[in-house]
Amino acid sequence: MSYQRGDVVLADLGYVAKVRPVLVVSIPRPDRQRNMIVVAPITTEVRGGECEVAFPKPQWMQQESVVNLVQIVGLDNVRVLRRLGKFSGKMEEIDAGLKRMLDL
């Protein structure tokens, strides 16, 4: 399956018995040799950091959350369990945060 920038998916990040929502920040298949995407975890542990972007609370989340850009990771598409929804209207903030963090 192909995932788009801005998709929110439920994924197994390799933590013991834990899956979590993540935001797809890459284009679909950024490396054509691998079936992978780049994601940033969505967390309820809001610390007010510079690399956090507020996530508007959708119905399927229990509380307000943030996208934690400092924990971006490459993820094999087979570790994605399902698509939860779309990150609405804040991809510009995500892009600005990634550019600042990576000095682009």
C-alpha atoms as a PDB file:
ATOM      1  CA  MET A   1       0.000   0.000   0.000  1.00  0.00           C
ATOM      2  CA  SER A   2       1.135   3.550  -0.680  1.00  0.00           C
ATOM      3  CA  TYR A   3       0.956   6.279   1.958  1.00  0.00           C
ATOM      4  CA  GLN A   4       0.899  10.024   1.262  1.00  0.00           C
ATOM      5  CA  ARG A   5       2.458  12.972   3.072  1.00  0.00           C
ATOM      6  CA  GLY A   6      -0.008  14.052   5.717  1.00  0.00           C
ATOM      7  CA  ASP A   7      -1.513  10.609   6.287  1.00  0.00           C
ATOM      8  CA  VAL A   8      -1.858   9.580   9.916  1.00  0.00           C
ATOM      9  CA  VAL A   9      -1.302   5.857  10.267  1.00  0.00           C
ATOM     10  CA  LEU A  10      -1.187   3.364  13.107  1.00  0.00           C
ATOM     11  CA  ALA A  11       2.230   1.714  13.122  1.00  0.00           C
ATOM     12  CA  ASP A  12       4.390  -0.710  15.032  1.00  0.00           C
ATOM     13  CA  LEU A  13       7.609   1.198  15.783  1.00  0.00           C
ATOM     14  CA  GLY A  14       9.243  -1.848  17.335  1.00  0.00           C
ATOM     15  CA  TYR A  15       8.427  -1.065  20.959  1.00  0.00           C
ATOM     16  CA  VAL A  16       7.296  -4.081  22.959  1.00  0.00           C
ATOM     17  CA  ALA A  17       3.523  -4.574  22.646  1.00  0.00           C
ATOM     18  CA  LYS A  18       2.912  -0.985  21.537  1.00  0.00           C
ATOM     19  CA  VAL A  19       1.584   0.546  18.372  1.00  0.00           C
ATOM     20  CA  ARG A  20       1.115   4.265  17.960  1.00  0.00           C
ATOM     21  CA  PRO A  21      -0.207   6.887  15.578  1.00  0.00           C
ATOM     22  CA  VAL A  22       2.422   8.498  13.379  1.00  0.00           C
ATOM     23  CA  LEU A  23       2.389  11.194  10.724  1.00  0.00           C
ATOM     24  CA  VAL A  24       3.820  10.426   7.283  1.00  0.00           C
ATOM     25  CA  VAL A  25       6.256  13.265   6.508  1.00  0.00           C
ATOM     26  CA  SER A  26       7.830  11.830   3.353  1.00  0.00           C
ATOM     27  CA  ILE A  27       6.600  11.388  -0.174  1.00  0.00           C
ATOM     28  CA  PRO A  28       5.413   7.869  -1.055  1.00  0.00           C
ATOM     29  CA  ARG A  29       8.427   5.541  -1.400  1.00  0.00           C
ATOM     30  CA  PRO A  30      11.153   8.199  -1.074  1.00  0.00           C
ATOM     31  CA  ASP A  31      13.699   5.513  -2.001  1.00  0.00           C
ATOM     32  CA  ARG A  32      12.414   3.407  -4.891  1.00  0.00           C
ATOM     33  CA  GLN A  33      14.635   0.500  -3.797  1.00  0.00           C
ATOM     34  CA  ARG A  34      12.802   0.189  -0.476  1.00  0.00           C
ATOM     35  CA  ASN A  35       9.142  -0.016   0.505  1.00  0.00           C
ATOM     36  CA  MET A  36       9.511   2.576   3.254  1.00  0.00           C
ATOM     37  CA  ILE A  37       8.180   5.942   4.409  1.00  0.00           C
ATOM     38  CA  VAL A  38       9.469   8.516   6.885  1.00  0.00           C
ATOM     39  CA  VAL A  39       7.213   9.209   9.859  1.00  0.00           C
ATOM     40  CA  ALA A  40       7.068  11.333  12.999  1.00  0.00           C
ATOM     41  CA  PRO A  41       5.340   9.931  16.100  1.00  0.00           C
ATOM     42  CA  ILE A  42       2.238  11.544  17.547  1.00  0.00           C
ATOM     43  CA  THR A  43       2.346  11.676  21.332  1.00  0.00           C
ATOM     44  CA  THR A  44       0.225  12.876  24.235  1.00  0.00           C
ATOM     45  CA  GLU A  45       3.402  13.760  26.175  1.00  0.00           C
ATOM     46  CA  VAL A  46       3.327  17.487  25.441  1.00  0.00           C
ATOM     47  CA  ARG A  47       6.510  19.157  26.683  1.00  0.00           C
ATOM     48  CA  GLY A  48       6.311  22.443  24.799  1.00  0.00           C
ATOM     49  CA  GLY A  49       9.467  21.738  22.823  1.00  0.00           C
ATOM     50  CA  GLU A  50      10.522  23.534  19.658  1.00  0.00           C
ATOM     51  CA  CYS A  51      10.194  20.313  17.680  1.00  0.00           C
ATOM     52  CA  GLU A  52       6.574  19.715  18.664  1.00  0.00           C
ATOM     53  CA  VAL A  53       3.660  20.655  16.406  1.00  0.00           C
ATOM     54  CA  ALA A  54       0.172  20.674  17.902  1.00  0.00           C
ATOM     55  CA  PHE A  55      -2.118  18.010  16.489  1.00  0.00           C
ATOM     56  CA  PRO A  56      -5.794  19.028  16.317  1.00  0.00           C
ATOM     57  CA  LYS A  57      -7.689  16.366  18.274  1.00  0.00           C
ATOM     58  CA  PRO A  58      -9.575  14.051  15.920  1.00  0.00           C
ATOM     59  CA  GLN A  59     -12.416  11.783  17.111  1.00  0.00           C
ATOM     60  CA  TRP A  60     -10.199   8.716  17.314  1.00  0.00           C
ATOM     61  CA  MET A  61      -7.756  10.300  19.810  1.00  0.00           C
ATOM     62  CA  GLN A  62      -8.587  10.572  23.488  1.00  0.00           C
ATOM     63  CA  GLN A  63      -6.668  13.783  24.204  1.00  0.00           C
ATOM     64  CA  GLU A  64      -4.697  16.622  22.671  1.00  0.00           C
ATOM     65  CA  SER A  65      -1.394  15.529  21.153  1.00  0.00           C
ATOM     66  CA  VAL A  66       1.672  16.783  19.314  1.00  0.00           C
ATOM     67  CA  VAL A  67       3.745  15.549  16.411  1.00  0.00           C
ATOM     68  CA  ASN A  68       7.268  15.021  17.759  1.00  0.00           C
ATOM     69  CA  LEU A  69       9.591  15.953  14.891  1.00  0.00           C
ATOM     70  CA  VAL A  70      12.782  15.137  16.790  1.00  0.00           C
ATOM     71  CA  GLN A  71      11.854  11.433  16.628  1.00  0.00           C
ATOM     72  CA  ILE A  72      11.436  11.082  12.853  1.00  0.00           C
ATOM     73  CA  VAL A  73      12.203   7.580  11.641  1.00  0.00           C
ATOM     74  CA  GLY A  74      12.216   5.482   8.476  1.00  0.00           C
ATOM     75  CA  LEU A  75       9.539   2.821   8.623  1.00  0.00           C
ATOM     76  CA  ASP A  76       8.926  -0.225   6.448  1.00  0.00           C
ATOM     77  CA  ASN A  77       5.384  -0.097   5.076  1.00  0.00           C
ATOM     78  CA  VAL A  78       4.704  -3.628   6.391  1.00  0.00           C
ATOM     79  CA  ARG A  79       4.801  -2.144   9.919  1.00  0.00           C
ATOM     80  CA  VAL A  80       1.827   0.089   9.159  1.00  0.00           C
ATOM     81  CA  LEU A  81      -1.366  -1.478  10.481  1.00  0.00           C
ATOM     82  CA  ARG A  82      -3.893   0.936   8.970  1.00  0.00           C
ATOM     83  CA  ARG A  83      -4.583   4.509   7.915  1.00  0.00           C
ATOM     84  CA  LEU A  84      -6.356   6.534  10.602  1.00  0.00           C
ATOM     85  CA  GLY A  85      -6.938   9.805   8.787  1.00  0.00           C
ATOM     86  CA  LYS A  86      -5.327  12.937   7.413  1.00  0.00           C
ATOM     87  CA  PHE A  87      -3.333  15.612   9.245  1.00  0.00           C
ATOM     88  CA  SER A  88      -5.489  18.624   8.589  1.00  0.00           C
ATOM     89  CA  GLY A  89      -4.027  21.977   7.642  1.00  0.00           C
ATOM     90  CA  LYS A  90      -0.700  22.008   9.468  1.00  0.00           C
ATOM     91  CA  MET A  91       1.759  20.492   7.022  1.00  0.00           C
ATOM     92  CA  GLU A  92       3.300  23.958   6.540  1.00  0.00           C
ATOM     93  CA  GLU A  93       4.112  23.971  10.261  1.00  0.00           C
ATOM     94  CA  ILE A  94       5.557  20.458   9.971  1.00  0.00           C
ATOM     95  CA  ASP A  95       7.681  21.522   6.978  1.00  0.00           C
ATOM     96  CA  ALA A  96       8.928  24.643   8.782  1.00  0.00           C
ATOM     97  CA  GLY A  97       9.827  22.578  11.852  1.00  0.00           C
ATOM     98  CA  LEU A  98      11.731  19.998   9.778  1.00  0.00           C
ATOM     99  CA  LYS A  99      13.585  22.723   7.859  1.00  0.00           C
ATOM    100  CA  ARG A 100      14.595  24.472  11.091  1.00  0.00           C
ATOM    101  CA  MET A 101      15.590  21.258  12.824  1.00  0.00           C
ATOM    102  CA  LEU A 102      17.618  19.957   9.860  1.00  0.00           C
ATOM    103  CA  ASP A 103      19.021  23.392   8.908  1.00  0.00           C
ATOM    104  CA  LEU A 104      17.643  23.196   5.359  1.00  0.00           C
END
